[in-house]
PDB file of N, CA and C in Angstrom:
ATOM      1  N   UNK A   1      40.586 -74.325 -10.121  1.00  0.00           N
ATOM      2  CA  UNK A   1      41.525 -73.216  -8.972  1.00  0.00           C
ATOM      3  C   UNK A   1      41.738 -71.851  -9.424  1.00  0.00           C
ATOM      4  N   UNK A   2      41.336 -71.714 -11.063  1.00  0.00           N
ATOM      5  CA  UNK A   2      41.368 -70.289 -11.673  1.00  0.00           C
ATOM      6  C   UNK A   2      40.297 -70.133 -11.692  1.00  0.00           C
ATOM      7  N   UNK A   3      38.390 -70.270 -11.293  1.00  0.00           N
ATOM      8  CA  UNK A   3      37.758 -69.225 -10.712  1.00  0.00           C
ATOM      9  C   UNK A   3      37.746 -69.167  -8.753  1.00  0.00           C
ATOM     10  N   UNK A   4      38.654 -70.133  -8.224  1.00  0.00           N
ATOM     11  CA  UNK A   4      38.686 -69.658  -7.365  1.00  0.00           C
ATOM     12  C   UNK A   4      40.525 -68.153  -6.915  1.00  0.00           C
ATOM     13  N   UNK A   5      40.937 -68.030  -8.387  1.00  0.00           N
ATOM     14  CA  UNK A   5      42.282 -67.344  -7.448  1.00  0.00           C
ATOM     15  C   UNK A   5      41.071 -66.070  -8.875  1.00  0.00           C
ATOM     16  N   UNK A   6      40.619 -66.272  -9.379  1.00  0.00           N
ATOM     17  CA  UNK A   6      39.322 -65.296 -10.125  1.00  0.00           C
ATOM     18  C   UNK A   6      39.080 -64.347  -8.617  1.00  0.00           C
ATOM     19  N   UNK A   7      38.299 -64.881  -7.835  1.00  0.00           N
ATOM     20  CA  UNK A   7      37.035 -64.915  -6.468  1.00  0.00           C
ATOM     21  C   UNK A   7      37.725 -63.948  -5.565  1.00  0.00           C
ATOM     22  N   UNK A   8      39.223 -64.173  -5.480  1.00  0.00           N
ATOM     23  CA  UNK A   8      39.948 -64.170  -4.503  1.00  0.00           C
ATOM     24  C   UNK A   8      40.329 -62.511  -4.782  1.00  0.00           C
ATOM     25  N   UNK A   9      40.748 -62.658  -6.286  1.00  0.00           N
ATOM     26  CA  UNK A   9      41.851 -61.382  -7.295  1.00  0.00           C
ATOM     27  C   UNK A   9      40.030 -60.452  -6.935  1.00  0.00           C
ATOM     28  N   UNK A  10      39.011 -60.358  -6.927  1.00  0.00           N
ATOM     29  CA  UNK A  10      37.759 -59.493  -7.530  1.00  0.00           C
ATOM     30  C   UNK A  10      37.661 -58.995  -5.742  1.00  0.00           C
ATOM     31  N   UNK A  11      37.910 -60.493  -4.858  1.00  0.00           N
ATOM     32  CA  UNK A  11      37.264 -59.716  -3.785  1.00  0.00           C
ATOM     33  C   UNK A  11      38.301 -59.173  -2.852  1.00  0.00           C
ATOM     34  N   UNK A  12      39.758 -58.899  -3.234  1.00  0.00           N
ATOM     35  CA  UNK A  12      40.672 -58.725  -2.520  1.00  0.00           C
ATOM     36  C   UNK A  12      40.549 -56.591  -3.398  1.00  0.00           C
ATOM     37  N   UNK A  13      40.404 -56.798  -4.368  1.00  0.00           N
ATOM     38  CA  UNK A  13      40.162 -55.673  -5.702  1.00  0.00           C
ATOM     39  C   UNK A  13      38.540 -54.425  -4.943  1.00  0.00           C
ATOM     40  N   UNK A  14      38.167 -55.703  -4.348  1.00  0.00           N
ATOM     41  CA  UNK A  14      37.122 -54.646  -3.452  1.00  0.00           C
ATOM     42  C   UNK A  14      37.983 -54.569  -2.155  1.00  0.00           C
ATOM     43  N   UNK A  15      38.038 -54.894  -1.357  1.00  0.00           N
ATOM     44  CA  UNK A  15      38.379 -54.622   0.260  1.00  0.00           C
ATOM     45  C   UNK A  15      39.214 -53.606  -0.124  1.00  0.00           C
ATOM     46  N   UNK A  16      40.347 -53.555  -0.849  1.00  0.00           N
ATOM     47  CA  UNK A  16      41.651 -52.637  -1.671  1.00  0.00           C
ATOM     48  C   UNK A  16      40.229 -51.174  -1.553  1.00  0.00           C
ATOM     49  N   UNK A  17      39.501 -51.787  -2.399  1.00  0.00           N
ATOM     50  CA  UNK A  17      38.391 -50.079  -3.042  1.00  0.00           C
ATOM     51  C   UNK A  17      38.114 -49.310  -1.625  1.00  0.00           C
ATOM     52  N   UNK A  18      37.414 -50.743  -0.688  1.00  0.00           N
ATOM     53  CA  UNK A  18      36.911 -50.135   0.293  1.00  0.00           C
ATOM     54  C   UNK A  18      37.904 -49.799   1.538  1.00  0.00           C
ATOM     55  N   UNK A  19      39.103 -49.819   1.623  1.00  0.00           N
ATOM     56  CA  UNK A  19      40.242 -48.965   2.534  1.00  0.00           C
ATOM     57  C   UNK A  19      39.790 -47.860   1.279  1.00  0.00           C
ATOM     58  N   UNK A  20      40.650 -47.865   0.592  1.00  0.00           N
ATOM     59  CA  UNK A  20      40.689 -46.772  -0.330  1.00  0.00           C
ATOM     60  C   UNK A  20      40.221 -45.660   0.144  1.00  0.00           C
ATOM     61  N   UNK A  21      38.473 -46.202   0.350  1.00  0.00           N
ATOM     62  CA  UNK A  21      37.230 -45.139   0.421  1.00  0.00           C
ATOM     63  C   UNK A  21      37.389 -44.237   1.955  1.00  0.00           C
ATOM     64  N   UNK A  22      37.629 -45.888   2.920  1.00  0.00           N
ATOM     65  CA  UNK A  22      37.259 -45.200   4.511  1.00  0.00           C
ATOM     66  C   UNK A  22      39.226 -44.564   4.544  1.00  0.00           C
ATOM     67  N   UNK A  23      39.876 -44.392   3.912  1.00  0.00           N
ATOM     68  CA  UNK A  23      40.994 -43.782   4.175  1.00  0.00           C
ATOM     69  C   UNK A  23      40.536 -42.496   3.411  1.00  0.00           C
ATOM     70  N   UNK A  24      39.881 -42.060   2.017  1.00  0.00           N
ATOM     71  CA  UNK A  24      40.097 -40.854   2.032  1.00  0.00           C
ATOM     72  C   UNK A  24      38.852 -40.020   2.637  1.00  0.00           C
ATOM     73  N   UNK A  25      37.770 -40.655   3.071  1.00  0.00           N
ATOM     74  CA  UNK A  25      36.831 -40.084   4.165  1.00  0.00           C
ATOM     75  C   UNK A  25      37.273 -39.748   5.467  1.00  0.00           C
ATOM     76  N   UNK A  26      38.419 -40.619   5.731  1.00  0.00           N
ATOM     77  CA  UNK A  26      39.282 -40.489   6.907  1.00  0.00           C
ATOM     78  C   UNK A  26      40.104 -38.735   7.181  1.00  0.00           C
ATOM     79  N   UNK A  27      40.780 -39.251   6.009  1.00  0.00           N
ATOM     80  CA  UNK A  27      40.895 -37.428   5.339  1.00  0.00           C
ATOM     81  C   UNK A  27      40.535 -36.256   5.362  1.00  0.00           C
ATOM     82  N   UNK A  28      39.388 -36.623   4.865  1.00  0.00           N
ATOM     83  CA  UNK A  28      38.651 -36.157   4.604  1.00  0.00           C
ATOM     84  C   UNK A  28      38.294 -35.377   5.956  1.00  0.00           C
ATOM     85  N   UNK A  29      37.355 -36.190   7.164  1.00  0.00           N
ATOM     86  CA  UNK A  29      37.413 -36.136   8.145  1.00  0.00           C
ATOM     87  C   UNK A  29      38.448 -34.896   9.031  1.00  0.00           C
ATOM     88  N   UNK A  30      39.630 -35.353   9.044  1.00  0.00           N
ATOM     89  CA  UNK A  30      41.060 -34.846   9.520  1.00  0.00           C
ATOM     90  C   UNK A  30      40.758 -33.397   8.896  1.00  0.00           C
ATOM     91  N   UNK A  31      41.242 -33.228   7.727  1.00  0.00           N
ATOM     92  CA  UNK A  31      40.809 -32.207   7.259  1.00  0.00           C
ATOM     93  C   UNK A  31      39.841 -31.035   7.823  1.00  0.00           C
ATOM     94  N   UNK A  32      38.456 -31.798   7.650  1.00  0.00           N
ATOM     95  CA  UNK A  32      37.429 -31.235   7.767  1.00  0.00           C
ATOM     96  C   UNK A  32      37.404 -30.261   9.519  1.00  0.00           C
ATOM     97  N   UNK A  33      38.200 -31.888  10.621  1.00  0.00           N
ATOM     98  CA  UNK A  33      38.459 -31.372  12.260  1.00  0.00           C
ATOM     99  C   UNK A  33      39.645 -30.245  11.838  1.00  0.00           C
ATOM    100  N   UNK A  34      40.596 -29.948  11.461  1.00  0.00           N
ATOM    101  CA  UNK A  34      41.873 -29.430  11.275  1.00  0.00           C
ATOM    102  C   UNK A  34      40.887 -27.872  10.723  1.00  0.00           C
ATOM    103  N   UNK A  35      40.639 -27.965   9.437  1.00  0.00           N
ATOM    104  CA  UNK A  35      39.714 -26.052   9.642  1.00  0.00           C
ATOM    105  C   UNK A  35      38.868 -26.013  10.453  1.00  0.00           C
ATOM    106  N   UNK A  36      38.099 -26.728  11.248  1.00  0.00           N
ATOM    107  CA  UNK A  36      36.828 -26.191  12.457  1.00  0.00           C
ATOM    108  C   UNK A  36      38.082 -25.792  13.247  1.00  0.00           C
ATOM    109  N   UNK A  37      39.189 -26.339  14.009  1.00  0.00           N
ATOM    110  CA  UNK A  37      39.939 -26.057  15.199  1.00  0.00           C
ATOM    111  C   UNK A  37      40.464 -24.783  14.735  1.00  0.00           C
ATOM    112  N   UNK A  38      40.996 -24.133  13.119  1.00  0.00           N
ATOM    113  CA  UNK A  38      41.218 -23.176  13.082  1.00  0.00           C
ATOM    114  C   UNK A  38      40.423 -22.127  13.075  1.00  0.00           C
ATOM    115  N   UNK A  39      39.639 -22.769  12.591  1.00  0.00           N
ATOM    116  CA  UNK A  39      38.588 -21.503  12.830  1.00  0.00           C
ATOM    117  C   UNK A  39      38.095 -20.989  14.227  1.00  0.00           C
ATOM    118  N   UNK A  40      38.215 -22.211  15.305  1.00  0.00           N
ATOM    119  CA  UNK A  40      37.755 -21.637  16.700  1.00  0.00           C
ATOM    120  C   UNK A  40      38.893 -20.971  17.283  1.00  0.00           C
ATOM    121  N   UNK A  41      40.461 -21.136  17.046  1.00  0.00           N
ATOM    122  CA  UNK A  41      41.611 -20.492  17.290  1.00  0.00           C
ATOM    123  C   UNK A  41      41.262 -19.082  16.467  1.00  0.00           C
ATOM    124  N   UNK A  42      40.995 -18.941  15.357  1.00  0.00           N
ATOM    125  CA  UNK A  42      40.482 -17.423  15.341  1.00  0.00           C
ATOM    126  C   UNK A  42      39.736 -16.807  15.589  1.00  0.00           C
ATOM    127  N   UNK A  43      38.714 -17.377  15.743  1.00  0.00           N
ATOM    128  CA  UNK A  43      37.693 -16.610  16.357  1.00  0.00           C
ATOM    129  C   UNK A  43      37.448 -15.833  17.864  1.00  0.00           C
ATOM    130  N   UNK A  44      38.427 -17.403  18.830  1.00  0.00           N
ATOM    131  CA  UNK A  44      38.796 -17.076  19.879  1.00  0.00           C
ATOM    132  C   UNK A  44      40.391 -15.602  19.649  1.00  0.00           C
ATOM    133  N   UNK A  45      40.996 -15.634  19.377  1.00  0.00           N
ATOM    134  CA  UNK A  45      41.923 -14.700  18.581  1.00  0.00           C
ATOM    135  C   UNK A  45      40.819 -13.151  18.159  1.00  0.00           C
ATOM    136  N   UNK A  46      40.259 -13.230  17.788  1.00  0.00           N
ATOM    137  CA  UNK A  46      39.515 -11.951  17.117  1.00  0.00           C
ATOM    138  C   UNK A  46      38.460 -11.383  18.627  1.00  0.00           C
ATOM    139  N   UNK A  47      38.060 -12.156  19.208  1.00  0.00           N
ATOM    140  CA  UNK A  47      37.328 -12.049  20.436  1.00  0.00           C
ATOM    141  C   UNK A  47      38.296 -11.681  21.212  1.00  0.00           C
ATOM    142  N   UNK A  48      39.070 -11.988  21.506  1.00  0.00           N
ATOM    143  CA  UNK A  48      40.490 -11.180  22.721  1.00  0.00           C
ATOM    144  C   UNK A  48      40.560 -10.014  22.168  1.00  0.00           C
ATOM    145  N   UNK A  49      41.244  -9.828  20.922  1.00  0.00           N
ATOM    146  CA  UNK A  49      41.038  -8.340  20.274  1.00  0.00           C
ATOM    147  C   UNK A  49      40.122  -7.487  20.614  1.00  0.00           C
ATOM    148  N   UNK A  50      38.982  -7.694  20.690  1.00  0.00           N
ATOM    149  CA  UNK A  50      37.571  -7.029  20.670  1.00  0.00           C
ATOM    150  C   UNK A  50      38.155  -7.044  21.727  1.00  0.00           C
ATOM    151  N   UNK A  51      37.902  -7.655  23.002  1.00  0.00           N
ATOM    152  CA  UNK A  51      37.952  -7.301  24.474  1.00  0.00           C
ATOM    153  C   UNK A  51      38.622  -6.682  24.531  1.00  0.00           C
ATOM    154  N   UNK A  52      40.407  -6.817  24.019  1.00  0.00           N
ATOM    155  CA  UNK A  52      41.552  -5.856  24.372  1.00  0.00           C
ATOM    156  C   UNK A  52      40.642  -4.320  24.443  1.00  0.00           C
ATOM    157  N   UNK A  53      40.249  -4.750  23.048  1.00  0.00           N
ATOM    158  CA  UNK A  53      39.915  -3.033  22.056  1.00  0.00           C
ATOM    159  C   UNK A  53      39.030  -2.272  23.115  1.00  0.00           C
ATOM    160  N   UNK A  54      38.231  -2.867  23.639  1.00  0.00           N
ATOM    161  CA  UNK A  54      36.727  -2.315  24.394  1.00  0.00           C
ATOM    162  C   UNK A  54      37.339  -1.803  26.322  1.00  0.00           C
ATOM    163  N   UNK A  55      38.089  -2.722  26.072  1.00  0.00           N
ATOM    164  CA  UNK A  55      38.860  -2.298  27.597  1.00  0.00           C
ATOM    165  C   UNK A  55      39.469  -1.018  27.380  1.00  0.00           C
ATOM    166  N   UNK A  56      40.186  -1.363  26.582  1.00  0.00           N
ATOM    167  CA  UNK A  56      41.126   0.094  25.822  1.00  0.00           C
ATOM    168  C   UNK A  56      40.038   1.421  25.623  1.00  0.00           C
ATOM    169  N   UNK A  57      38.984   1.084  25.193  1.00  0.00           N
ATOM    170  CA  UNK A  57      38.490   2.307  24.955  1.00  0.00           C
ATOM    171  C   UNK A  57      37.753   3.161  26.127  1.00  0.00           C
ATOM    172  N   UNK A  58      37.318   2.036  26.812  1.00  0.00           N
ATOM    173  CA  UNK A  58      36.545   2.283  28.136  1.00  0.00           C
ATOM    174  C   UNK A  58      37.508   2.753  29.522  1.00  0.00           C
ATOM    175  N   UNK A  59      38.636   2.732  29.403  1.00  0.00           N
ATOM    176  CA  UNK A  59      39.589   3.226  30.421  1.00  0.00           C
ATOM    177  C   UNK A  59      40.088   4.154  29.483  1.00  0.00           C
ATOM    178  N   UNK A  60      39.820   4.513  28.558  1.00  0.00           N
ATOM    179  CA  UNK A  60      40.079   6.627  27.275  1.00  0.00           C
ATOM    180  C   UNK A  60      38.901   7.172  28.411  1.00  0.00           C
ATOM    181  N   UNK A  61      38.717   6.101  27.739  1.00  0.00           N
ATOM    182  CA  UNK A  61      36.591   7.130  28.361  1.00  0.00           C
ATOM    183  C   UNK A  61      36.524   8.610  28.152  1.00  0.00           C
ATOM    184  N   UNK A  62      36.963   8.640  26.994  1.00  0.00           N
ATOM    185  CA  UNK A  62      36.294   9.799  26.729  1.00  0.00           C
ATOM    186  C   UNK A  62      35.438   9.650  25.217  1.00  0.00           C
ATOM    187  N   UNK A  63      35.068  11.111  24.801  1.00  0.00           N
ATOM    188  CA  UNK A  63      34.128  11.073  23.977  1.00  0.00           C
ATOM    189  C   UNK A  63      33.053  10.076  23.975  1.00  0.00           C
ATOM    190  N   UNK A  64      32.392   9.315  22.142  1.00  0.00           N
ATOM    191  CA  UNK A  64      31.607   8.229  22.977  1.00  0.00           C
ATOM    192  C   UNK A  64      31.321   6.949  24.079  1.00  0.00           C
ATOM    193  N   UNK A  65      32.902   7.232  24.632  1.00  0.00           N
ATOM    194  CA  UNK A  65      32.775   5.855  25.649  1.00  0.00           C
ATOM    195  C   UNK A  65      32.868   6.364  26.885  1.00  0.00           C
ATOM    196  N   UNK A  66      32.576   7.498  27.103  1.00  0.00           N
ATOM    197  CA  UNK A  66      33.010   8.362  28.484  1.00  0.00           C
ATOM    198  C   UNK A  66      31.567   7.603  29.135  1.00  0.00           C
ATOM    199  N   UNK A  67      30.138   7.545  29.054  1.00  0.00           N
ATOM    200  CA  UNK A  67      29.317   7.364  29.637  1.00  0.00           C
ATOM    201  C   UNK A  67      29.485   5.182  29.755  1.00  0.00           C
ATOM    202  N   UNK A  68      29.504   5.214  29.022  1.00  0.00           N
ATOM    203  CA  UNK A  68      29.640   3.339  29.269  1.00  0.00           C
ATOM    204  C   UNK A  68      30.803   3.314  30.100  1.00  0.00           C
ATOM    205  N   UNK A  69      31.590   3.746  30.369  1.00  0.00           N
ATOM    206  CA  UNK A  69      32.904   3.913  31.215  1.00  0.00           C
ATOM    207  C   UNK A  69      32.214   4.230  32.344  1.00  0.00           C
ATOM    208  N   UNK A  70      31.459   5.086  32.300  1.00  0.00           N
ATOM    209  CA  UNK A  70      31.385   5.442  33.434  1.00  0.00           C
ATOM    210  C   UNK A  70      29.654   3.912  33.884  1.00  0.00           C
ATOM    211  N   UNK A  71      29.055   3.732  33.336  1.00  0.00           N
ATOM    212  CA  UNK A  71      28.354   2.475  33.711  1.00  0.00           C
ATOM    213  C   UNK A  71      28.590   0.808  34.205  1.00  0.00           C
ATOM    214  N   UNK A  72      30.200   1.276  33.434  1.00  0.00           N
ATOM    215  CA  UNK A  72      31.015  -0.244  33.887  1.00  0.00           C
ATOM    216  C   UNK A  72      30.925   0.153  34.685  1.00  0.00           C
ATOM    217  N   UNK A  73      31.495   1.288  35.914  1.00  0.00           N
ATOM    218  CA  UNK A  73      32.278   2.022  37.123  1.00  0.00           C
ATOM    219  C   UNK A  73      31.273   1.183  37.382  1.00  0.00           C
ATOM    220  N   UNK A  74      29.922   2.068  37.401  1.00  0.00           N
ATOM    221  CA  UNK A  74      28.460   1.532  38.924  1.00  0.00           C
ATOM    222  C   UNK A  74      28.666  -0.092  39.057  1.00  0.00           C
ATOM    223  N   UNK A  75      28.994  -0.693  37.880  1.00  0.00           N
ATOM    224  CA  UNK A  75      27.925  -2.097  38.124  1.00  0.00           C
ATOM    225  C   UNK A  75      28.586  -2.698  38.633  1.00  0.00           C
ATOM    226  N   UNK A  76      30.425  -2.575  38.488  1.00  0.00           N
ATOM    227  CA  UNK A  76      31.691  -2.951  38.730  1.00  0.00           C
ATOM    228  C   UNK A  76      31.359  -2.547  40.661  1.00  0.00           C
ATOM    229  N   UNK A  77      31.017  -1.203  40.977  1.00  0.00           N
ATOM    230  CA  UNK A  77      30.958  -1.434  42.050  1.00  0.00           C
ATOM    231  C   UNK A  77      29.542  -1.841  42.431  1.00  0.00           C
ATOM    232  N   UNK A  78      28.423  -2.145  42.045  1.00  0.00           N
ATOM    233  CA  UNK A  78      27.312  -3.010  42.465  1.00  0.00           C
ATOM    234  C   UNK A  78      27.472  -4.050  42.727  1.00  0.00           C
ATOM    235  N   UNK A  79      28.764  -4.782  42.121  1.00  0.00           N
ATOM    236  CA  UNK A  79      28.608  -6.750  41.329  1.00  0.00           C
ATOM    237  C   UNK A  79      29.835  -6.121  42.861  1.00  0.00           C
ATOM    238  N   UNK A  80      30.731  -5.824  43.361  1.00  0.00           N
ATOM    239  CA  UNK A  80      30.925  -5.815  44.373  1.00  0.00           C
ATOM    240  C   UNK A  80      30.254  -6.176  45.997  1.00  0.00           C
ATOM    241  N   UNK A  81      29.507  -4.800  45.945  1.00  0.00           N
ATOM    242  CA  UNK A  81      28.255  -4.554  47.036  1.00  0.00           C
ATOM    243  C   UNK A  81      27.664  -5.884  47.071  1.00  0.00           C
ATOM    244  N   UNK A  82      27.429  -6.395  46.007  1.00  0.00           N
ATOM    245  CA  UNK A  82      26.391  -7.819  46.642  1.00  0.00           C
ATOM    246  C   UNK A  82      27.149  -8.505  46.468  1.00  0.00           C
ATOM    247  N   UNK A  83      28.387  -8.937  46.350  1.00  0.00           N
ATOM    248  CA  UNK A  83      29.439 -10.307  46.399  1.00  0.00           C
ATOM    249  C   UNK A  83      29.822  -9.309  48.146  1.00  0.00           C
ATOM    250  N   UNK A  84      30.118  -8.528  48.748  1.00  0.00           N
ATOM    251  CA  UNK A  84      30.297  -8.616  50.106  1.00  0.00           C
ATOM    252  C   UNK A  84      28.831  -8.852  50.966  1.00  0.00           C
ATOM    253  N   UNK A  85      27.289  -8.518  50.253  1.00  0.00           N
ATOM    254  CA  UNK A  85      26.209  -8.631  51.051  1.00  0.00           C
ATOM    255  C   UNK A  85      26.362 -10.678  51.059  1.00  0.00           C
ATOM    256  N   UNK A  86      27.004 -11.262  49.548  1.00  0.00           N
ATOM    257  CA  UNK A  86      26.286 -12.174  49.850  1.00  0.00           C
ATOM    258  C   UNK A  86      27.200 -13.124  50.325  1.00  0.00           C
ATOM    259  N   UNK A  87      28.649 -12.602  51.014  1.00  0.00           N
ATOM    260  CA  UNK A  87      29.559 -12.947  52.060  1.00  0.00           C
ATOM    261  C   UNK A  87      29.394 -13.282  53.349  1.00  0.00           C
ATOM    262  N   UNK A  88      28.553 -11.872  53.618  1.00  0.00           N
ATOM    263  CA  UNK A  88      28.792 -11.596  54.841  1.00  0.00           C
ATOM    264  C   UNK A  88      27.289 -12.917  55.300  1.00  0.00           C
ATOM    265  N   UNK A  89      26.709 -13.386  54.919  1.00  0.00           N
ATOM    266  CA  UNK A  89      25.242 -13.963  54.610  1.00  0.00           C
ATOM    267  C   UNK A  89      25.893 -15.536  55.397  1.00  0.00           C
ATOM    268  N   UNK A  90      27.255 -15.783  54.526  1.00  0.00           N
ATOM    269  CA  UNK A  90      27.957 -16.969  55.156  1.00  0.00           C
ATOM    270  C   UNK A  90      29.329 -16.278  56.210  1.00  0.00           C
ATOM    271  N   UNK A  91      28.984 -15.134  56.504  1.00  0.00           N
ATOM    272  CA  UNK A  91      30.053 -15.239  58.196  1.00  0.00           C
ATOM    273  C   UNK A  91      31.126 -15.068  57.060  1.00  0.00           C
ATOM    274  N   UNK A  92      31.574 -14.618  55.816  1.00  0.00           N
ATOM    275  CA  UNK A  92      32.687 -14.100  55.022  1.00  0.00           C
ATOM    276  C   UNK A  92      32.655 -12.884  55.043  1.00  0.00           C
ATOM    277  N   UNK A  93      33.864 -12.429  54.309  1.00  0.00           N
ATOM    278  CA  UNK A  93      34.169 -11.056  54.281  1.00  0.00           C
ATOM    279  C   UNK A  93      35.641 -11.177  53.253  1.00  0.00           C
ATOM    280  N   UNK A  94      35.332  -9.570  52.052  1.00  0.00           N
ATOM    281  CA  UNK A  94      36.875 -10.397  51.123  1.00  0.00           C
ATOM    282  C   UNK A  94      38.201  -9.689  51.517  1.00  0.00           C
ATOM    283  N   UNK A  95      38.898 -10.800  51.811  1.00  0.00           N
ATOM    284  CA  UNK A  95      40.241  -9.388  51.887  1.00  0.00           C
ATOM    285  C   UNK A  95      40.702  -8.722  50.962  1.00  0.00           C
ATOM    286  N   UNK A  96      40.949  -7.037  51.561  1.00  0.00           N
ATOM    287  CA  UNK A  96      41.426  -6.224  50.924  1.00  0.00           C
ATOM    288  C   UNK A  96      42.176  -6.012  49.549  1.00  0.00           C
ATOM    289  N   UNK A  97      43.067  -6.783  50.189  1.00  0.00           N
ATOM    290  CA  UNK A  97      44.708  -7.710  49.489  1.00  0.00           C
ATOM    291  C   UNK A  97      44.193  -8.176  48.246  1.00  0.00           C
ATOM    292  N   UNK A  98      43.865  -9.300  48.760  1.00  0.00           N
ATOM    293  CA  UNK A  98      44.085 -10.519  47.333  1.00  0.00           C
ATOM    294  C   UNK A  98      42.703 -10.657  46.998  1.00  0.00           C
ATOM    295  N   UNK A  99      41.739 -10.085  47.699  1.00  0.00           N
ATOM    296  CA  UNK A  99      40.501 -10.596  47.656  1.00  0.00           C
ATOM    297  C   UNK A  99      39.981 -11.400  47.560  1.00  0.00           C
ATOM    298  N   UNK A 100      40.309 -12.870  48.043  1.00  0.00           N
ATOM    299  CA  UNK A 100      39.980 -14.366  48.732  1.00  0.00           C
ATOM    300  C   UNK A 100      38.710 -13.811  50.009  1.00  0.00           C
ATOM    301  N   UNK A 101      37.405 -14.702  49.739  1.00  0.00           N
ATOM    302  CA  UNK A 101      37.248 -14.843  50.656  1.00  0.00           C
ATOM    303  C   UNK A 101      37.263 -15.468  52.209  1.00  0.00           C
ATOM    304  N   UNK A 102      37.659 -14.751  53.218  1.00  0.00           N
ATOM    305  CA  UNK A 102      38.018 -15.193  54.162  1.00  0.00           C
ATOM    306  C   UNK A 102      37.008 -14.752  55.818  1.00  0.00           C
ATOM    307  N   UNK A 103      36.970 -15.678  56.758  1.00  0.00           N
ATOM    308  CA  UNK A 103      36.578 -15.695  57.806  1.00  0.00           C
ATOM    309  C   UNK A 103      36.042 -14.256  58.229  1.00  0.00           C
ATOM    310  N   UNK A 104      34.697 -13.655  58.628  1.00  0.00           N
ATOM    311  CA  UNK A 104      34.897 -12.276  58.401  1.00  0.00           C
ATOM    312  C   UNK A 104      35.627 -12.046  60.500  1.00  0.00           C
ATOM    313  N   UNK A 105      35.607 -12.613  61.119  1.00  0.00           N
ATOM    314  CA  UNK A 105      36.465 -12.744  62.716  1.00  0.00           C
ATOM    315  C   UNK A 105      37.586 -12.353  62.389  1.00  0.00           C
ATOM    316  N   UNK A 106      38.196 -13.144  60.835  1.00  0.00           N
ATOM    317  CA  UNK A 106      39.596 -13.122  60.899  1.00  0.00           C
ATOM    318  C   UNK A 106      40.159 -11.621  61.152  1.00  0.00           C
ATOM    319  N   UNK A 107      41.771 -11.323  61.810  1.00  0.00           N
ATOM    320  CA  UNK A 107      41.905 -10.010  61.958  1.00  0.00           C
ATOM    321  C   UNK A 107      43.459 -10.184  60.732  1.00  0.00           C
ATOM    322  N   UNK A 108      43.721 -10.990  60.489  1.00  0.00           N
ATOM    323  CA  UNK A 108      44.489 -11.450  59.045  1.00  0.00           C
ATOM    324  C   UNK A 108      44.342 -12.114  57.902  1.00  0.00           C
ATOM    325  N   UNK A 109      44.163 -12.315  57.053  1.00  0.00           N
ATOM    326  CA  UNK A 109      44.474 -12.886  55.594  1.00  0.00           C
ATOM    327  C   UNK A 109      44.989 -13.776  56.016  1.00  0.00           C
ATOM    328  N   UNK A 110      44.017 -15.323  55.990  1.00  0.00           N
ATOM    329  CA  UNK A 110      45.206 -16.835  55.827  1.00  0.00           C
ATOM    330  C   UNK A 110      45.738 -17.316  54.625  1.00  0.00           C
ATOM    331  N   UNK A 111      45.344 -15.623  53.484  1.00  0.00           N
ATOM    332  CA  UNK A 111      45.759 -16.666  51.924  1.00  0.00           C
ATOM    333  C   UNK A 111      47.526 -15.563  52.396  1.00  0.00           C
ATOM    334  N   UNK A 112      46.729 -14.112  51.987  1.00  0.00           N
ATOM    335  CA  UNK A 112      48.033 -13.118  51.897  1.00  0.00           C
ATOM    336  C   UNK A 112      48.869 -12.973  52.976  1.00  0.00           C
ATOM    337  N   UNK A 113      48.180 -12.893  54.440  1.00  0.00           N
ATOM    338  CA  UNK A 113      49.055 -12.183  55.063  1.00  0.00           C
ATOM    339  C   UNK A 113      48.614 -11.036  55.854  1.00  0.00           C
ATOM    340  N   UNK A 114      47.895 -10.058  54.869  1.00  0.00           N
ATOM    341  CA  UNK A 114      47.802  -8.438  55.401  1.00  0.00           C
ATOM    342  C   UNK A 114      47.061  -8.754  56.405  1.00  0.00           C
ATOM    343  N   UNK A 115      47.305  -7.452  56.823  1.00  0.00           N
ATOM    344  CA  UNK A 115      46.653  -7.131  57.748  1.00  0.00           C
ATOM    345  C   UNK A 115      45.181  -6.375  57.957  1.00  0.00           C
ATOM    346  N   UNK A 116      44.344  -7.395  58.312  1.00  0.00           N
ATOM    347  CA  UNK A 116      42.633  -6.642  57.909  1.00  0.00           C
ATOM    348  C   UNK A 116      42.038  -5.509  59.571  1.00  0.00           C
ATOM    349  N   UNK A 117      41.742  -4.653  58.995  1.00  0.00           N
ATOM    350  CA  UNK A 117      41.324  -3.005  59.482  1.00  0.00           C
ATOM    351  C   UNK A 117      39.414  -3.665  59.922  1.00  0.00           C
ATOM    352  N   UNK A 118      39.577  -3.170  61.168  1.00  0.00           N
ATOM    353  CA  UNK A 118      38.454  -3.420  61.689  1.00  0.00           C
ATOM    354  C   UNK A 118      36.875  -2.169  61.156  1.00  0.00           C
ATOM    355  N   UNK A 119      36.320  -2.821  60.673  1.00  0.00           N
ATOM    356  CA  UNK A 119      35.189  -1.974  59.495  1.00  0.00           C
ATOM    357  C   UNK A 119      34.148  -1.041  60.493  1.00  0.00           C
TER     358      UNK A 119
END
C-alpha cells in the first residue's frame, strides 16, 4: 500500500508540475499577445498622426509642399474622371451632392433627393 501511495504522490506531483508549466506558458502567451496588440494600436495611432500631418501640410500648400499639393489635386481630378468614365460604361453617373452612383437617366438622386442638372 505504501508503494501505491508513493506512486500516486509522484504522479500527482508530475501532473502539478505539468499544469504549472502549462499555466506559465499560457500566461507568457497572453502577455505576448497583449504586447503585440498594444504595439499594433500604437502603430495605428502613429499612422493616423502621419496621415493627419500630411493632409494638413498639403492643405497649407506652402513652401516645400506646394508641388505635392498640386500633384494631389491633379491626381484626385484624374481619379474622379476615371471613375465617371467607368460609371458611364455601366449606365451610371455620380450624384454631385452625395457622390453615390445613380442611374444616368435619373433626374433626382434616389439616395439624397437632390435634383440632377442635365450635362
